[in-house]
Amino acid sequence: MFHLLHPEEQADLLKRGFTRRSFGRITTLLTAGAALPFYNEAALAQRAGMRRGMFDIPPDAVRISSNENPMGPCPEAADAMHNIIQKGGYYGWKEPFELVQAVSEVEGVKKEYVMPFAGSSDPLHRAVMAFCSPTKSFVMSDPGYEAGGGSAQFIGAKVIRVPLLKNHVHDVKAMVKADPNAGVIYICNPNNPTGTTTPKSDIEWALANKPAGTLLLLDEAYIHISREWENRNSDLVAADKEIMILRTFSKLYGMAGLRAGLAMARPDLLQKLQPWGVGFTPVTGMVGAAASVKSKNLVPERRKIIRDIREDVFSFLDKHNFSYIASDSNCFMVDVKRPAQEFAKAMMQQKVMVGRSWPIWPNYSRITMGSKSDMEKFKEAFLKVMA
């Protein structure tokens, strides 16, 4: 297994506090990737489903469990992917560079500041590998998206979970103070699972006050859905700050099963990701993502669709006096007044798949915004289960 690590990489690991005995776990992360149970949203959802015994899912079940987008790819992306299929016998060549060019123009960053991936889970785990170690912790919110913490724990890095503030945004001051030797401070914004958005001023404060050498890893998987889209943080990358931004095409763009994403950062920070994976990108995902970025009206149109459905669901919950956390994303947390796993099983009996829970809030369940008809079925099932 050690042959997967170059001598320079082994030396770097030893310098960061790893032992040679821990190299086996590192190579497992490199080779197993998506097979590991903490790898990404889909893997986490599947593991939760297995715990609930959800092996036989009715074909007509409503899927509002994994923050997917039932709208699927936009027409431009679908056409681009259809046209590339006949060339699927060849490995990708120019397709990733076309995505880089499109993102560079939209985000106002140089092309060398953008690195494409098959989704955003890959660069998330690579960042953990590159910057965390037994002496360099991973700092995240609680509740927060678990995948990065899972890989940090797997390689022996300390995971520090900082509770959200009372308004359910990241407590950036507590996160910055959590460990003077932190390798990564991870902020998912809007947050998964709460859907709440941390203001840009807080992101800038964290960047200005974090420990020297600590990477601020900003996961903007849901930023396109947020009201903060026009106030996003790619300008901090363009200004050469010590920040890395992750993006995915799995959420607003509706390409969860097609795998496309990217990381934006200074070239020297992106370079640190390269040793920790193969880096293959599917041509379908790349051309679909590039076409999606070039579609000028796609983001505002879909953001409005998701927001209108979300506000209708919140009005329903308010009408019936249910407690929930107001979201700026395509998911939200609702108090189900019992262990969330019991609630999920009861909803599954109504053919509605809901999301998982977090240990800090065991009686809250995460709900994804599906289509309008999906959410009508959710309302009907929710009233029955909560009666």
Protein backbone atom coordinates (compact mmCIF):
# COMPACT_ATOMS: atom_id res chain seq x y z
CA MET A 1 0.00 0.00 0.00
CA PHE A 2 2.87 2.40 0.74
CA HIS A 3 3.85 2.53 -2.94
CA LEU A 4 0.83 4.78 -3.56
CA LEU A 5 2.63 7.54 -1.64
CA HIS A 6 5.68 9.21 -3.16
CA PRO A 7 8.71 9.71 -0.89
CA GLU A 8 8.04 13.46 -0.77
CA GLU A 9 4.46 12.81 0.33
CA GLN A 10 5.60 10.36 2.99
CA ALA A 11 8.06 12.96 4.31
CA ASP A 12 5.29 15.58 4.42
CA LEU A 13 3.02 13.22 6.35
CA LEU A 14 5.73 12.48 8.91
CA LYS A 15 6.35 16.20 9.31
CA ARG A 16 2.64 16.77 10.00
CA GLY A 17 2.56 14.26 12.83
CA PHE A 18 1.55 11.04 11.07
CA THR A 19 3.32 7.80 11.85
CA ARG A 20 4.25 5.18 9.28
CA ARG A 21 1.71 2.90 10.94
CA SER A 22 -1.02 5.36 9.89
CA PHE A 23 -0.01 5.28 6.22
CA GLY A 24 -2.29 2.27 5.69
CA ARG A 25 -5.38 4.28 6.60
CA ILE A 26 -4.29 7.09 4.32
CA THR A 27 -3.85 4.78 1.35
CA THR A 28 -7.24 3.24 2.18
CA LEU A 29 -8.78 6.69 1.84
CA LEU A 30 -6.96 7.17 -1.46
CA THR A 31 -8.03 3.84 -2.93
CA ALA A 32 -11.48 3.25 -1.38
CA GLY A 33 -12.77 6.77 -1.90
CA ALA A 34 -16.52 6.70 -2.47
CA ALA A 35 -16.79 3.21 -0.96
CA LEU A 36 -16.19 4.67 2.50
CA PRO A 37 -19.39 5.33 4.47
CA PHE A 38 -18.62 9.01 5.13
CA TYR A 39 -17.63 9.89 1.59
CA ASN A 40 -20.54 12.05 0.39
CA GLU A 41 -24.22 12.90 0.76
CA ALA A 42 -25.34 9.83 -1.19
CA ALA A 43 -23.22 7.48 0.92
CA LEU A 44 -24.44 9.07 4.16
CA ALA A 45 -28.05 8.78 3.02
CA GLN A 46 -27.60 5.14 2.02
CA ARG A 47 -26.05 4.30 5.38
CA ALA A 48 -28.94 6.02 7.19
CA GLY A 49 -31.42 4.12 5.02
CA MET A 50 -29.80 0.80 5.86
CA ARG A 51 -30.05 1.58 9.56
CA ARG A 52 -33.78 2.16 9.07
CA GLY A 53 -34.20 -1.05 7.08
CA MET A 54 -35.18 0.81 3.91
CA PHE A 55 -34.00 -1.75 1.40
CA ASP A 56 -37.22 -1.99 -0.62
CA ILE A 57 -38.20 1.53 -1.65
CA PRO A 58 -41.49 1.80 -3.56
CA PRO A 59 -40.96 3.18 -7.07
CA ASP A 60 -43.59 5.84 -6.43
CA ALA A 61 -42.01 7.03 -3.18
CA VAL A 62 -41.32 10.75 -2.80
CA ARG A 63 -37.56 11.32 -2.41
CA ILE A 64 -36.90 14.38 -0.27
CA SER A 65 -34.05 12.87 1.72
CA SER A 66 -30.69 13.78 0.15
CA ASN A 67 -30.89 17.43 -0.97
CA GLU A 68 -31.24 16.40 -4.60
CA ASN A 69 -33.03 18.50 -7.21
CA PRO A 70 -35.93 16.81 -9.03
CA MET A 71 -35.70 19.37 -11.87
CA GLY A 72 -32.61 17.60 -13.15
CA PRO A 73 -30.17 19.16 -15.63
CA CYS A 74 -31.25 22.24 -17.57
CA PRO A 75 -32.04 21.74 -21.29
CA GLU A 76 -28.68 23.16 -22.37
CA ALA A 77 -26.83 20.73 -20.10
CA ALA A 78 -28.98 17.78 -21.20
CA ASP A 79 -28.27 18.57 -24.85
CA ALA A 80 -24.54 18.93 -24.24
CA MET A 81 -24.38 15.60 -22.44
CA HIS A 82 -26.48 13.85 -25.09
CA ASN A 83 -24.14 15.10 -27.80
CA ILE A 84 -21.00 13.95 -25.97
CA ILE A 85 -22.27 10.40 -25.40
CA GLN A 86 -21.14 9.26 -28.85
CA LYS A 87 -17.61 10.29 -27.87
CA GLY A 88 -17.81 8.41 -24.59
CA GLY A 89 -15.35 5.82 -25.85
CA TYR A 90 -12.58 8.38 -25.32
CA TYR A 91 -11.24 9.80 -22.08
CA GLY A 92 -11.98 13.45 -21.44
CA TRP A 93 -9.54 15.96 -22.85
CA LYS A 94 -10.76 19.51 -23.42
CA GLU A 95 -14.07 19.19 -21.54
CA PRO A 96 -12.69 20.03 -18.05
CA PHE A 97 -10.90 23.07 -19.49
CA GLU A 98 -14.14 24.33 -21.01
CA LEU A 99 -15.71 24.20 -17.54
CA VAL A 100 -12.72 26.04 -16.07
CA GLN A 101 -13.04 28.75 -18.72
CA ALA A 102 -16.76 29.21 -18.09
CA VAL A 103 -16.33 29.41 -14.30
CA SER A 104 -13.39 31.79 -14.64
CA GLU A 105 -15.50 34.23 -16.63
CA VAL A 106 -18.55 34.07 -14.34
CA GLU A 107 -16.64 34.21 -11.03
CA GLY A 108 -13.97 36.72 -12.00
CA VAL A 109 -11.03 34.50 -11.06
CA LYS A 110 -8.06 33.43 -13.16
CA LYS A 111 -8.32 30.06 -14.88
CA GLU A 112 -5.43 28.64 -12.85
CA TYR A 113 -7.50 29.33 -9.70
CA VAL A 114 -10.16 26.78 -10.75
CA MET A 115 -9.77 22.98 -10.54
CA PRO A 116 -12.59 20.70 -11.79
CA PHE A 117 -13.61 17.50 -10.00
CA ALA A 118 -16.28 14.81 -10.22
CA GLY A 119 -18.42 16.54 -7.59
CA SER A 120 -17.26 18.50 -4.54
CA SER A 121 -16.77 15.55 -2.15
CA ASP A 122 -13.47 14.70 -3.83
CA PRO A 123 -11.77 18.08 -3.14
CA LEU A 124 -13.31 18.17 0.35
CA HIS A 125 -11.59 14.92 1.30
CA ARG A 126 -8.39 15.94 -0.46
CA ALA A 127 -8.29 19.17 1.54
CA VAL A 128 -8.56 17.15 4.76
CA MET A 129 -5.68 14.94 3.59
CA ALA A 130 -3.56 17.91 2.57
CA PHE A 131 -4.05 20.15 5.60
CA CYS A 132 -5.12 17.99 8.57
CA SER A 133 -3.16 15.44 10.61
CA PRO A 134 -2.87 14.12 14.17
CA THR A 135 -1.45 17.55 15.08
CA LYS A 136 -3.71 19.61 12.78
CA SER A 137 -7.42 19.49 13.65
CA PHE A 138 -10.57 19.82 11.57
CA VAL A 139 -12.96 22.47 12.94
CA MET A 140 -16.61 22.37 11.86
CA SER A 141 -20.08 23.43 13.00
CA ASP A 142 -22.50 21.29 14.98
CA PRO A 143 -24.77 20.37 13.35
CA GLY A 144 -22.89 20.47 10.09
CA TYR A 145 -22.14 18.40 7.01
CA GLU A 146 -20.31 15.34 8.34
CA ALA A 147 -18.22 14.12 5.38
CA GLY A 148 -15.09 16.16 6.04
CA GLY A 149 -15.16 15.31 9.72
CA GLY A 150 -15.51 11.66 8.82
CA SER A 151 -12.35 11.62 6.73
CA ALA A 152 -10.46 13.68 9.34
CA GLN A 153 -11.39 11.20 12.06
CA PHE A 154 -10.47 8.30 9.76
CA ILE A 155 -6.88 9.53 9.38
CA GLY A 156 -6.48 10.35 13.07
CA ALA A 157 -7.05 14.11 13.00
CA LYS A 158 -8.98 15.65 15.87
CA VAL A 159 -12.48 16.85 14.93
CA ILE A 160 -13.71 19.89 16.86
CA ARG A 161 -17.46 20.54 16.58
CA VAL A 162 -18.59 24.07 17.44
CA PRO A 163 -22.33 24.61 18.10
CA LEU A 164 -24.15 27.08 15.88
CA LEU A 165 -25.24 30.43 17.29
CA LYS A 166 -28.81 30.94 18.48
CA ASN A 167 -29.77 32.21 15.02
CA HIS A 168 -28.30 28.97 13.61
CA VAL A 169 -25.39 30.53 11.72
CA HIS A 170 -21.74 29.58 12.22
CA ASP A 171 -20.07 30.88 15.37
CA VAL A 172 -16.96 31.98 13.48
CA LYS A 173 -15.31 33.52 16.54
CA ALA A 174 -15.55 30.27 18.48
CA MET A 175 -14.39 28.30 15.45
CA VAL A 176 -11.32 30.50 15.00
CA LYS A 177 -10.45 30.18 18.70
CA ALA A 178 -11.08 26.44 18.82
CA ASP A 179 -7.51 25.38 18.00
CA PRO A 180 -4.44 27.54 17.28
CA ASN A 181 -3.03 24.60 15.29
CA ALA A 182 -6.13 23.83 13.22
CA GLY A 183 -5.43 22.47 9.78
CA VAL A 184 -8.88 23.33 8.38
CA ILE A 185 -11.78 25.49 9.49
CA TYR A 186 -14.72 24.18 7.51
CA ILE A 187 -17.79 26.33 6.86
CA CYS A 188 -20.66 24.98 4.77
CA ASN A 189 -22.56 28.07 3.65
CA PRO A 190 -25.55 27.84 3.49
CA ASN A 191 -25.17 25.21 6.14
CA ASN A 192 -26.16 21.60 5.69
CA PRO A 193 -28.49 20.60 7.41
CA THR A 194 -30.00 23.87 8.68
CA GLY A 195 -30.00 25.78 5.37
CA THR A 196 -28.97 28.95 7.22
CA THR A 197 -26.49 31.39 5.68
CA THR A 198 -23.55 32.92 7.54
CA PRO A 199 -23.02 36.58 6.49
CA LYS A 200 -20.08 37.47 4.29
CA SER A 201 -18.82 39.83 6.98
CA ASP A 202 -18.41 36.81 9.30
CA ILE A 203 -16.55 34.89 6.59
CA GLU A 204 -14.21 37.84 6.10
CA TRP A 205 -13.69 38.13 9.87
CA ALA A 206 -12.79 34.44 10.11
CA LEU A 207 -10.36 34.79 7.22
CA ALA A 208 -8.69 37.80 8.80
CA ASN A 209 -8.42 36.29 12.29
CA LYS A 210 -7.83 32.56 11.75
CA PRO A 211 -4.51 31.03 12.81
CA ALA A 212 -1.70 31.47 10.31
CA GLY A 213 -1.38 28.41 8.09
CA THR A 214 -4.96 27.26 8.71
CA LEU A 215 -7.06 26.79 5.57
CA LEU A 216 -10.52 28.33 5.58
CA LEU A 217 -12.50 25.78 3.58
CA LEU A 218 -15.78 27.31 2.41
CA ASP A 219 -18.27 24.80 1.01
CA GLU A 220 -20.72 26.71 -1.18
CA ALA A 221 -22.69 23.71 -2.41
CA TYR A 222 -25.95 25.58 -1.79
CA ILE A 223 -24.91 29.18 -2.44
CA HIS A 224 -26.79 29.38 -5.76
CA ILE A 225 -30.08 28.88 -3.89
CA SER A 226 -29.31 31.48 -1.23
CA ARG A 227 -30.18 35.16 -1.25
CA GLU A 228 -26.43 35.67 -0.78
CA TRP A 229 -25.64 34.39 -4.30
CA GLU A 230 -24.80 37.89 -5.52
CA ASN A 231 -22.65 38.40 -2.42
CA ARG A 232 -20.70 35.13 -2.72
CA ASN A 233 -17.03 34.86 -1.82
CA SER A 234 -15.11 34.15 -5.03
CA ASP A 235 -13.66 37.67 -4.78
CA LEU A 236 -11.69 36.49 -1.73
CA VAL A 237 -10.09 33.81 -3.88
CA ALA A 238 -9.29 36.37 -6.57
CA ALA A 239 -7.63 38.49 -3.86
CA ASP A 240 -5.23 35.61 -3.06
CA LYS A 241 -6.56 34.99 0.44
CA GLU A 242 -5.91 31.72 2.28
CA ILE A 243 -9.32 30.34 1.41
CA MET A 244 -10.59 27.49 -0.74
CA ILE A 245 -14.15 27.45 -2.07
CA LEU A 246 -15.93 24.24 -3.08
CA ARG A 247 -18.82 24.19 -5.53
CA THR A 248 -21.01 21.39 -6.84
CA PHE A 249 -23.52 20.97 -9.65
CA SER A 250 -25.56 18.52 -7.56
CA LYS A 251 -27.94 21.04 -6.01
CA LEU A 252 -29.46 23.94 -7.95
CA TYR A 253 -28.09 22.60 -11.24
CA GLY A 254 -29.76 19.20 -10.75
CA MET A 255 -26.77 17.00 -11.62
CA ALA A 256 -26.27 14.97 -8.42
CA GLY A 257 -26.01 11.66 -10.26
CA LEU A 258 -23.79 13.06 -13.02
CA ARG A 259 -20.90 14.20 -10.79
CA ALA A 260 -19.43 17.62 -11.47
CA GLY A 261 -17.86 20.09 -9.09
CA LEU A 262 -14.82 22.27 -8.56
CA ALA A 263 -12.48 23.94 -6.12
CA MET A 264 -11.40 27.58 -6.33
CA ALA A 265 -8.24 28.79 -4.60
CA ARG A 266 -4.75 30.15 -5.16
CA PRO A 267 -2.73 27.81 -7.38
CA ASP A 268 -0.36 26.90 -4.53
CA LEU A 269 -3.33 25.75 -2.41
CA LEU A 270 -4.87 23.79 -5.27
CA GLN A 271 -1.52 22.14 -5.89
CA LYS A 272 -1.68 20.60 -2.42
CA LEU A 273 -4.81 18.67 -3.44
CA GLN A 274 -3.28 16.92 -6.42
CA PRO A 275 -1.35 14.08 -4.72
CA TRP A 276 -4.44 12.81 -2.91
CA GLY A 277 -6.50 11.30 -5.70
CA VAL A 278 -6.70 10.24 -9.33
CA GLY A 279 -8.62 13.29 -10.51
CA PHE A 280 -10.66 11.67 -13.29
CA THR A 281 -13.67 13.70 -14.43
CA PRO A 282 -16.53 12.25 -16.56
CA VAL A 283 -17.03 14.00 -19.88
CA THR A 284 -20.80 14.05 -19.36
CA GLY A 285 -20.53 15.89 -16.07
CA MET A 286 -17.97 18.37 -17.43
CA VAL A 287 -19.92 19.41 -20.54
CA GLY A 288 -23.17 19.51 -18.57
CA ALA A 289 -21.60 21.71 -15.92
CA ALA A 290 -20.07 24.08 -18.48
CA ALA A 291 -23.41 24.45 -20.26
CA SER A 292 -25.13 25.10 -16.92
CA VAL A 293 -22.68 27.87 -15.99
CA LYS A 294 -23.20 29.53 -19.37
CA SER A 295 -27.00 29.55 -18.99
CA LYS A 296 -27.58 33.15 -17.91
CA ASN A 297 -31.07 32.87 -16.41
CA LEU A 298 -30.82 29.40 -14.86
CA VAL A 299 -29.71 30.43 -11.35
CA PRO A 300 -32.32 33.15 -10.71
CA GLU A 301 -35.13 31.13 -12.28
CA ARG A 302 -34.45 27.99 -10.25
CA ARG A 303 -33.74 29.95 -7.09
CA LYS A 304 -37.22 31.50 -7.37
CA ILE A 305 -38.85 28.11 -8.00
CA ILE A 306 -37.18 26.58 -4.94
CA ARG A 307 -37.90 29.63 -2.80
CA ASP A 308 -41.60 29.70 -3.74
CA ILE A 309 -42.01 26.01 -2.86
CA ARG A 310 -40.05 26.51 0.37
CA GLU A 311 -42.17 29.47 1.49
CA ASP A 312 -45.35 27.50 0.77
CA VAL A 313 -44.12 24.65 2.98
CA PHE A 314 -43.15 27.09 5.74
CA SER A 315 -46.62 28.67 5.58
CA PHE A 316 -48.09 25.19 6.00
CA LEU A 317 -45.89 24.50 9.03
CA ASP A 318 -46.76 27.89 10.55
CA LYS A 319 -50.47 27.28 10.02
CA HIS A 320 -50.29 24.02 11.96
CA ASN A 321 -47.92 25.39 14.64
CA PHE A 322 -44.99 23.09 13.84
CA SER A 323 -41.50 24.19 14.86
CA TYR A 324 -38.79 24.41 12.21
CA ILE A 325 -35.62 26.33 11.37
CA ALA A 326 -36.13 28.91 8.64
CA SER A 327 -33.84 28.08 5.74
CA ASP A 328 -32.25 29.93 2.83
CA SER A 329 -31.50 26.70 0.99
CA ASN A 330 -33.25 23.64 -0.47
CA CYS A 331 -33.46 21.86 2.89
CA PHE A 332 -34.64 22.64 6.40
CA MET A 333 -34.83 21.09 9.85
CA VAL A 334 -38.19 20.38 11.50
CA ASP A 335 -38.90 19.33 15.09
CA VAL A 336 -40.75 15.99 14.88
CA LYS A 337 -41.21 15.63 18.66
CA ARG A 338 -39.69 12.14 18.79
CA PRO A 339 -36.48 10.37 17.70
CA ALA A 340 -36.06 11.33 14.07
CA GLN A 341 -35.41 7.74 13.00
CA GLU A 342 -38.85 6.73 14.24
CA PHE A 343 -40.36 9.63 12.33
CA ALA A 344 -38.49 8.60 9.15
CA LYS A 345 -39.86 5.07 9.34
CA ALA A 346 -43.39 6.38 9.83
CA MET A 347 -43.01 8.70 6.83
CA MET A 348 -41.66 5.85 4.74
CA GLN A 349 -44.88 3.96 5.45
CA GLN A 350 -46.58 6.91 3.76
CA LYS A 351 -44.14 6.54 0.84
CA VAL A 352 -42.21 9.71 1.69
CA MET A 353 -38.45 9.46 2.18
CA VAL A 354 -37.08 12.15 4.50
CA GLY A 355 -33.52 12.97 5.49
CA ARG A 356 -31.37 11.97 8.39
CA SER A 357 -30.87 13.56 11.81
CA TRP A 358 -27.84 14.82 13.75
CA PRO A 359 -26.85 13.70 17.26
CA ILE A 360 -26.94 17.23 18.66
CA TRP A 361 -30.61 17.54 17.57
CA PRO A 362 -31.98 13.97 17.74
CA ASN A 363 -35.63 15.05 17.40
CA TYR A 364 -35.10 17.14 14.28
CA SER A 365 -35.36 15.69 10.79
CA ARG A 366 -33.89 17.22 7.64
CA ILE A 367 -36.35 17.72 4.79
CA THR A 368 -35.33 18.43 1.19
CA MET A 369 -37.40 20.72 -1.01
CA GLY A 370 -38.76 18.54 -3.78
CA SER A 371 -41.17 19.50 -6.53
CA LYS A 372 -44.47 21.18 -5.74
CA SER A 373 -46.27 17.84 -6.02
CA ASP A 374 -43.61 16.19 -3.85
CA MET A 375 -44.20 18.72 -1.11
CA GLU A 376 -47.98 18.36 -1.30
CA LYS A 377 -47.50 14.66 -0.61
CA PHE A 378 -45.11 15.57 2.20
CA LYS A 379 -47.72 17.81 3.81
CA GLU A 380 -50.38 15.10 3.68
CA ALA A 381 -48.04 12.46 5.12
CA PHE A 382 -46.63 14.86 7.72
CA LEU A 383 -50.06 15.62 9.16
CA LYS A 384 -50.85 11.92 9.44
CA VAL A 385 -47.55 11.02 11.09
CA MET A 386 -47.57 13.99 13.46
CA ALA A 387 -51.20 13.52 14.51
